[in-house]
PDB file of all heavy atoms in Angstrom:
ATOM      1  N   HIS A   1      22.350   1.582   0.922  1.00  0.00           N
ATOM      2  CA  HIS A   1      20.966   1.073   1.547  1.00  0.00           C
ATOM      3  C   HIS A   1      19.932   1.397   0.668  1.00  0.00           C
ATOM      4  O   HIS A   1      18.690   1.235   1.101  1.00  0.00           O
ATOM      5  CB  HIS A   1      20.825   1.963   2.844  1.00  0.00           C
ATOM      6  CG  HIS A   1      21.831   1.556   4.025  1.00  0.00           C
ATOM      7  ND1 HIS A   1      22.173   0.195   4.159  1.00  0.00           N
ATOM      8  CD2 HIS A   1      22.485   2.329   4.794  1.00  0.00           C
ATOM      9  CE1 HIS A   1      23.093   0.221   5.151  1.00  0.00           C
ATOM     10  NE2 HIS A   1      23.315   1.447   5.560  1.00  0.00           N
ATOM     11  N   PHE A   2      20.062   1.897  -0.593  1.00  0.00           N
ATOM     12  CA  PHE A   2      19.019   2.247  -1.396  1.00  0.00           C
ATOM     13  C   PHE A   2      18.098   0.975  -1.862  1.00  0.00           C
ATOM     14  O   PHE A   2      16.860   1.031  -1.908  1.00  0.00           O
ATOM     15  CB  PHE A   2      19.438   2.858  -2.773  1.00  0.00           C
ATOM     16  CG  PHE A   2      18.284   3.116  -3.693  1.00  0.00           C
ATOM     17  CD1 PHE A   2      17.420   4.027  -3.455  1.00  0.00           C
ATOM     18  CD2 PHE A   2      18.174   2.292  -4.761  1.00  0.00           C
ATOM     19  CE1 PHE A   2      16.231   4.213  -4.317  1.00  0.00           C
ATOM     20  CE2 PHE A   2      17.070   2.434  -5.684  1.00  0.00           C
ATOM     21  CZ  PHE A   2      16.199   3.461  -5.424  1.00  0.00           C
ATOM     22  N   PRO A   3      18.792  -0.211  -2.039  1.00  0.00           N
ATOM     23  CA  PRO A   3      17.847  -1.402  -2.410  1.00  0.00           C
ATOM     24  C   PRO A   3      16.910  -1.779  -1.281  1.00  0.00           C
ATOM     25  O   PRO A   3      15.825  -2.035  -1.551  1.00  0.00           O
ATOM     26  CB  PRO A   3      18.852  -2.578  -2.507  1.00  0.00           C
ATOM     27  CG  PRO A   3      20.179  -1.818  -3.026  1.00  0.00           C
ATOM     28  CD  PRO A   3      20.142  -0.500  -2.362  1.00  0.00           C
ATOM     29  N   ASN A   4      17.375  -1.542   0.096  1.00  0.00           N
ATOM     30  CA  ASN A   4      16.504  -1.674   1.177  1.00  0.00           C
ATOM     31  C   ASN A   4      15.387  -0.640   1.183  1.00  0.00           C
ATOM     32  O   ASN A   4      14.261  -0.952   1.560  1.00  0.00           O
ATOM     33  CB  ASN A   4      17.314  -1.737   2.340  1.00  0.00           C
ATOM     34  CG  ASN A   4      16.633  -2.047   3.714  1.00  0.00           C
ATOM     35  OD1 ASN A   4      16.287  -0.973   4.556  1.00  0.00           O
ATOM     36  ND2 ASN A   4      16.009  -3.209   3.860  1.00  0.00           N
ATOM     37  N   ALA A   5      15.873   0.660   0.788  1.00  0.00           N
ATOM     38  CA  ALA A   5      14.839   1.686   0.966  1.00  0.00           C
ATOM     39  C   ALA A   5      13.820   1.475  -0.258  1.00  0.00           C
ATOM     40  O   ALA A   5      12.495   1.609   0.022  1.00  0.00           O
ATOM     41  CB  ALA A   5      15.502   3.130   0.635  1.00  0.00           C
ATOM     42  N   ALA A   6      14.232   0.894  -1.329  1.00  0.00           N
ATOM     43  CA  ALA A   6      13.307   0.580  -2.479  1.00  0.00           C
ATOM     44  C   ALA A   6      12.306  -0.481  -1.964  1.00  0.00           C
ATOM     45  O   ALA A   6      11.032  -0.383  -2.269  1.00  0.00           O
ATOM     46  CB  ALA A   6      14.070   0.179  -3.691  1.00  0.00           C
ATOM     47  N   SER A   7      12.853  -1.468  -1.270  1.00  0.00           N
ATOM     48  CA  SER A   7      11.937  -2.599  -0.769  1.00  0.00           C
ATOM     49  C   SER A   7      10.923  -1.950   0.270  1.00  0.00           C
ATOM     50  O   SER A   7       9.704  -2.363   0.142  1.00  0.00           O
ATOM     51  CB  SER A   7      12.657  -3.651  -0.169  1.00  0.00           C
ATOM     52  OG  SER A   7      13.678  -4.297  -1.030  1.00  0.00           O
ATOM     53  N   ILE A   8      11.383  -1.215   1.108  1.00  0.00           N
ATOM     54  CA  ILE A   8      10.443  -0.634   2.192  1.00  0.00           C
ATOM     55  C   ILE A   8       9.426   0.305   1.486  1.00  0.00           C
ATOM     56  O   ILE A   8       8.242   0.331   1.836  1.00  0.00           O
ATOM     57  CB  ILE A   8      11.270   0.208   3.319  1.00  0.00           C
ATOM     58  CG1 ILE A   8      12.041  -0.832   4.066  1.00  0.00           C
ATOM     59  CG2 ILE A   8      10.409   0.926   4.096  1.00  0.00           C
ATOM     60  CD1 ILE A   8      13.070  -0.142   4.830  1.00  0.00           C
ATOM     61  N   ASN A   9       9.946   1.007   0.459  1.00  0.00           N
ATOM     62  CA  ASN A   9       8.962   1.893  -0.409  1.00  0.00           C
ATOM     63  C   ASN A   9       7.937   1.060  -1.070  1.00  0.00           C
ATOM     64  O   ASN A   9       6.685   1.459  -1.108  1.00  0.00           O
ATOM     65  CB  ASN A   9       9.787   2.689  -1.266  1.00  0.00           C
ATOM     66  CG  ASN A   9       8.901   3.710  -1.999  1.00  0.00           C
ATOM     67  OD1 ASN A   9       8.115   4.526  -1.378  1.00  0.00           O
ATOM     68  ND2 ASN A   9       9.012   3.841  -3.374  1.00  0.00           N
ATOM     69  N   GLY A  10       8.371  -0.064  -1.445  1.00  0.00           N
ATOM     70  CA  GLY A  10       7.448  -1.152  -2.147  1.00  0.00           C
ATOM     71  C   GLY A  10       6.464  -1.682  -1.017  1.00  0.00           C
ATOM     72  O   GLY A  10       5.323  -1.754  -1.356  1.00  0.00           O
ATOM     73  N   VAL A  11       6.963  -1.915   0.141  1.00  0.00           N
ATOM     74  CA  VAL A  11       6.044  -2.348   1.268  1.00  0.00           C
ATOM     75  C   VAL A  11       4.829  -1.304   1.389  1.00  0.00           C
ATOM     76  O   VAL A  11       3.742  -1.623   1.543  1.00  0.00           O
ATOM     77  CB  VAL A  11       6.780  -2.720   2.467  1.00  0.00           C
ATOM     78  CG1 VAL A  11       5.791  -2.974   3.637  1.00  0.00           C
ATOM     79  CG2 VAL A  11       7.729  -3.929   2.330  1.00  0.00           C
ATOM     80  N   ALA A  12       5.383  -0.089   1.671  1.00  0.00           N
ATOM     81  CA  ALA A  12       4.451   0.993   2.039  1.00  0.00           C
ATOM     82  C   ALA A  12       3.410   1.288   0.741  1.00  0.00           C
ATOM     83  O   ALA A  12       2.234   1.426   0.981  1.00  0.00           O
ATOM     84  CB  ALA A  12       5.098   2.347   2.211  1.00  0.00           C
ATOM     85  N   TRP A  13       4.050   1.250  -0.430  1.00  0.00           N
ATOM     86  CA  TRP A  13       3.123   1.484  -1.557  1.00  0.00           C
ATOM     87  C   TRP A  13       2.004   0.331  -1.731  1.00  0.00           C
ATOM     88  O   TRP A  13       0.988   0.615  -2.060  1.00  0.00           O
ATOM     89  CB  TRP A  13       4.068   1.561  -2.945  1.00  0.00           C
ATOM     90  CG  TRP A  13       3.274   2.042  -4.070  1.00  0.00           C
ATOM     91  CD1 TRP A  13       2.577   1.310  -4.896  1.00  0.00           C
ATOM     92  CD2 TRP A  13       3.355   3.468  -4.514  1.00  0.00           C
ATOM     93  NE1 TRP A  13       1.978   2.094  -5.937  1.00  0.00           N
ATOM     94  CE2 TRP A  13       2.585   3.427  -5.682  1.00  0.00           C
ATOM     95  CE3 TRP A  13       3.850   4.502  -4.040  1.00  0.00           C
ATOM     96  CZ2 TRP A  13       2.195   4.582  -6.257  1.00  0.00           C
ATOM     97  CZ3 TRP A  13       3.708   5.773  -4.794  1.00  0.00           C
ATOM     98  CH2 TRP A  13       2.858   5.756  -5.882  1.00  0.00           C
ATOM     99  N   ARG A  14       2.548  -0.838  -1.570  1.00  0.00           N
ATOM    100  CA  ARG A  14       1.633  -1.987  -1.788  1.00  0.00           C
ATOM    101  C   ARG A  14       0.718  -2.155  -0.589  1.00  0.00           C
ATOM    102  O   ARG A  14      -0.528  -2.615  -0.908  1.00  0.00           O
ATOM    103  CB  ARG A  14       2.505  -3.211  -1.961  1.00  0.00           C
ATOM    104  CG  ARG A  14       3.314  -3.306  -3.348  1.00  0.00           C
ATOM    105  CD  ARG A  14       2.317  -2.973  -4.386  1.00  0.00           C
ATOM    106  NE  ARG A  14       2.805  -3.208  -5.766  1.00  0.00           N
ATOM    107  CZ  ARG A  14       2.361  -3.106  -6.856  1.00  0.00           C
ATOM    108  NH1 ARG A  14       1.080  -2.864  -6.837  1.00  0.00           N
ATOM    109  NH2 ARG A  14       3.111  -3.249  -7.926  1.00  0.00           N
ATOM    110  N   LEU A  15       1.034  -1.625   0.543  1.00  0.00           N
ATOM    111  CA  LEU A  15       0.140  -1.804   1.719  1.00  0.00           C
ATOM    112  C   LEU A  15      -1.027  -0.766   1.374  1.00  0.00           C
ATOM    113  O   LEU A  15      -2.176  -0.940   1.739  1.00  0.00           O
ATOM    114  CB  LEU A  15       0.839  -1.474   2.961  1.00  0.00           C
ATOM    115  CG  LEU A  15      -0.079  -1.464   4.375  1.00  0.00           C
ATOM    116  CD1 LEU A  15      -0.771  -2.696   4.374  1.00  0.00           C
ATOM    117  CD2 LEU A  15       0.736  -1.113   5.459  1.00  0.00           C
ATOM    118  N   SER A  16      -0.612   0.280   0.860  1.00  0.00           N
ATOM    119  CA  SER A  16      -1.705   1.296   0.417  1.00  0.00           C
ATOM    120  C   SER A  16      -2.655   0.658  -0.711  1.00  0.00           C
ATOM    121  O   SER A  16      -3.788   1.098  -0.607  1.00  0.00           O
ATOM    122  CB  SER A  16      -0.992   2.598   0.016  1.00  0.00           C
ATOM    123  OG  SER A  16      -0.342   2.427  -1.268  1.00  0.00           O
ATOM    124  N   ASP A  17      -1.960  -0.175  -1.452  1.00  0.00           N
ATOM    125  CA  ASP A  17      -2.723  -0.739  -2.488  1.00  0.00           C
ATOM    126  C   ASP A  17      -3.743  -1.851  -2.069  1.00  0.00           C
ATOM    127  O   ASP A  17      -4.814  -2.023  -2.675  1.00  0.00           O
ATOM    128  CB  ASP A  17      -1.834  -1.464  -3.572  1.00  0.00           C
ATOM    129  CG  ASP A  17      -1.275  -0.493  -4.513  1.00  0.00           C
ATOM    130  OD1 ASP A  17      -1.724   0.732  -4.640  1.00  0.00           O
ATOM    131  OD2 ASP A  17      -0.206  -0.704  -5.244  1.00  0.00           O
ATOM    132  N   VAL A  18      -3.398  -2.301  -0.847  1.00  0.00           N
ATOM    133  CA  VAL A  18      -4.318  -3.279  -0.118  1.00  0.00           C
ATOM    134  C   VAL A  18      -5.444  -2.493   0.639  1.00  0.00           C
ATOM    135  O   VAL A  18      -6.655  -2.691   0.361  1.00  0.00           O
ATOM    136  CB  VAL A  18      -3.553  -4.066   0.928  1.00  0.00           C
ATOM    137  CG1 VAL A  18      -4.554  -4.988   1.770  1.00  0.00           C
ATOM    138  CG2 VAL A  18      -2.557  -5.022   0.242  1.00  0.00           C
ATOM    139  N   LEU A  19      -5.001  -1.466   1.306  1.00  0.00           N
ATOM    140  CA  LEU A  19      -6.024  -0.666   2.258  1.00  0.00           C
ATOM    141  C   LEU A  19      -6.936   0.144   1.374  1.00  0.00           C
ATOM    142  O   LEU A  19      -8.075   0.255   1.654  1.00  0.00           O
ATOM    143  CB  LEU A  19      -5.245  -0.006   3.224  1.00  0.00           C
ATOM    144  CG  LEU A  19      -4.347  -0.756   4.239  1.00  0.00           C
ATOM    145  CD1 LEU A  19      -3.706   0.179   5.237  1.00  0.00           C
ATOM    146  CD2 LEU A  19      -5.330  -1.515   5.073  1.00  0.00           C
ATOM    147  N   GLY A  20      -6.425   0.801   0.278  1.00  0.00           N
ATOM    148  CA  GLY A  20      -7.189   1.573  -0.587  1.00  0.00           C
ATOM    149  C   GLY A  20      -8.465   1.015  -1.117  1.00  0.00           C
ATOM    150  O   GLY A  20      -9.500   1.671  -0.840  1.00  0.00           O
ATOM    151  N   PRO A  21      -8.336  -0.141  -1.815  1.00  0.00           N
ATOM    152  CA  PRO A  21      -9.680  -0.694  -2.313  1.00  0.00           C
ATOM    153  C   PRO A  21     -10.550  -1.207  -1.222  1.00  0.00           C
ATOM    154  O   PRO A  21     -11.842  -1.065  -1.393  1.00  0.00           O
ATOM    155  CB  PRO A  21      -9.113  -1.909  -3.031  1.00  0.00           C
ATOM    156  CG  PRO A  21      -7.601  -1.588  -3.351  1.00  0.00           C
ATOM    157  CD  PRO A  21      -7.129  -0.789  -2.252  1.00  0.00           C
ATOM    158  N   ILE A  22     -10.012  -1.630  -0.028  1.00  0.00           N
ATOM    159  CA  ILE A  22     -10.848  -2.058   1.034  1.00  0.00           C
ATOM    160  C   ILE A  22     -11.607  -1.001   1.616  1.00  0.00           C
ATOM    161  O   ILE A  22     -12.927  -0.941   1.796  1.00  0.00           O
ATOM    162  CB  ILE A  22     -10.051  -2.736   2.101  1.00  0.00           C
ATOM    163  CG1 ILE A  22      -9.508  -4.201   1.614  1.00  0.00           C
ATOM    164  CG2 ILE A  22     -10.888  -3.013   3.455  1.00  0.00           C
ATOM    165  CD1 ILE A  22      -8.583  -4.886   2.493  1.00  0.00           C
ATOM    166  N   VAL A  23     -10.911   0.360   1.742  1.00  0.00           N
ATOM    167  CA  VAL A  23     -11.516   1.479   2.201  1.00  0.00           C
ATOM    168  C   VAL A  23     -12.604   1.928   1.170  1.00  0.00           C
ATOM    169  O   VAL A  23     -13.764   2.319   1.628  1.00  0.00           O
ATOM    170  CB  VAL A  23     -10.482   2.587   2.436  1.00  0.00           C
ATOM    171  CG1 VAL A  23     -11.199   3.941   2.633  1.00  0.00           C
ATOM    172  CG2 VAL A  23      -9.628   2.313   3.605  1.00  0.00           C
ATOM    173  N   ALA A  24     -12.299   1.895  -0.072  1.00  0.00           N
ATOM    174  CA  ALA A  24     -13.180   2.202  -1.111  1.00  0.00           C
ATOM    175  C   ALA A  24     -14.419   1.369  -1.088  1.00  0.00           C
ATOM    176  O   ALA A  24     -15.620   1.844  -1.226  1.00  0.00           O
ATOM    177  CB  ALA A  24     -12.549   2.337  -2.489  1.00  0.00           C
ATOM    178  N   GLY A  25     -14.202  -0.017  -0.998  1.00  0.00           N
ATOM    179  CA  GLY A  25     -15.390  -0.927  -0.987  1.00  0.00           C
ATOM    180  C   GLY A  25     -16.096  -0.715   0.269  1.00  0.00           C
ATOM    181  O   GLY A  25     -17.448  -0.699   0.188  1.00  0.00           O
ATOM    182  N   GLY A  26     -15.594  -0.367   1.382  1.00  0.00           N
ATOM    183  CA  GLY A  26     -16.333  -0.122   2.696  1.00  0.00           C
ATOM    184  C   GLY A  26     -17.293   1.122   2.536  1.00  0.00           C
ATOM    185  O   GLY A  26     -18.524   1.096   2.918  1.00  0.00           O
ATOM    186  N   PHE A  27     -16.654   2.266   2.080  1.00  0.00           N
ATOM    187  CA  PHE A  27     -17.330   3.457   1.861  1.00  0.00           C
ATOM    188  C   PHE A  27     -18.557   3.348   0.721  1.00  0.00           C
ATOM    189  O   PHE A  27     -19.604   3.687   1.034  1.00  0.00           O
ATOM    190  CB  PHE A  27     -16.431   4.515   1.265  1.00  0.00           C
ATOM    191  CG  PHE A  27     -15.753   5.343   2.292  1.00  0.00           C
ATOM    192  CD1 PHE A  27     -14.247   5.353   2.346  1.00  0.00           C
ATOM    193  CD2 PHE A  27     -16.384   5.886   3.558  1.00  0.00           C
ATOM    194  CE1 PHE A  27     -13.540   6.025   3.300  1.00  0.00           C
ATOM    195  CE2 PHE A  27     -15.647   6.420   4.409  1.00  0.00           C
ATOM    196  CZ  PHE A  27     -14.187   6.621   4.361  1.00  0.00           C
ATOM    197  N   ILE A  28     -18.229   2.561  -0.298  1.00  0.00           N
ATOM    198  CA  ILE A  28     -19.258   2.372  -1.377  1.00  0.00           C
ATOM    199  C   ILE A  28     -20.384   1.619  -0.781  1.00  0.00           C
ATOM    200  O   ILE A  28     -21.575   1.801  -1.113  1.00  0.00           O
ATOM    201  CB  ILE A  28     -18.737   1.662  -2.553  1.00  0.00           C
ATOM    202  CG1 ILE A  28     -17.757   2.625  -3.294  1.00  0.00           C
ATOM    203  CG2 ILE A  28     -19.814   1.253  -3.610  1.00  0.00           C
ATOM    204  CD1 ILE A  28     -16.859   1.814  -4.240  1.00  0.00           C
ATOM    205  N   ALA A  29     -20.008   0.569  -0.069  1.00  0.00           N
ATOM    206  CA  ALA A  29     -21.170  -0.250   0.562  1.00  0.00           C
ATOM    207  C   ALA A  29     -21.886   0.368   1.736  1.00  0.00           C
ATOM    208  O   ALA A  29     -22.983  -0.036   2.085  1.00  0.00           O
ATOM    209  CB  ALA A  29     -20.475  -1.618   1.144  1.00  0.00           C
TER     210      ALA A  29
END
């Protein structure tokens, strides 16, 4: 099940990459 775990880890990691800049932009503004 590691390939599936790697994909899910990628989902979580990339979702954080989406939310992080939006959070940063909101705070800066």
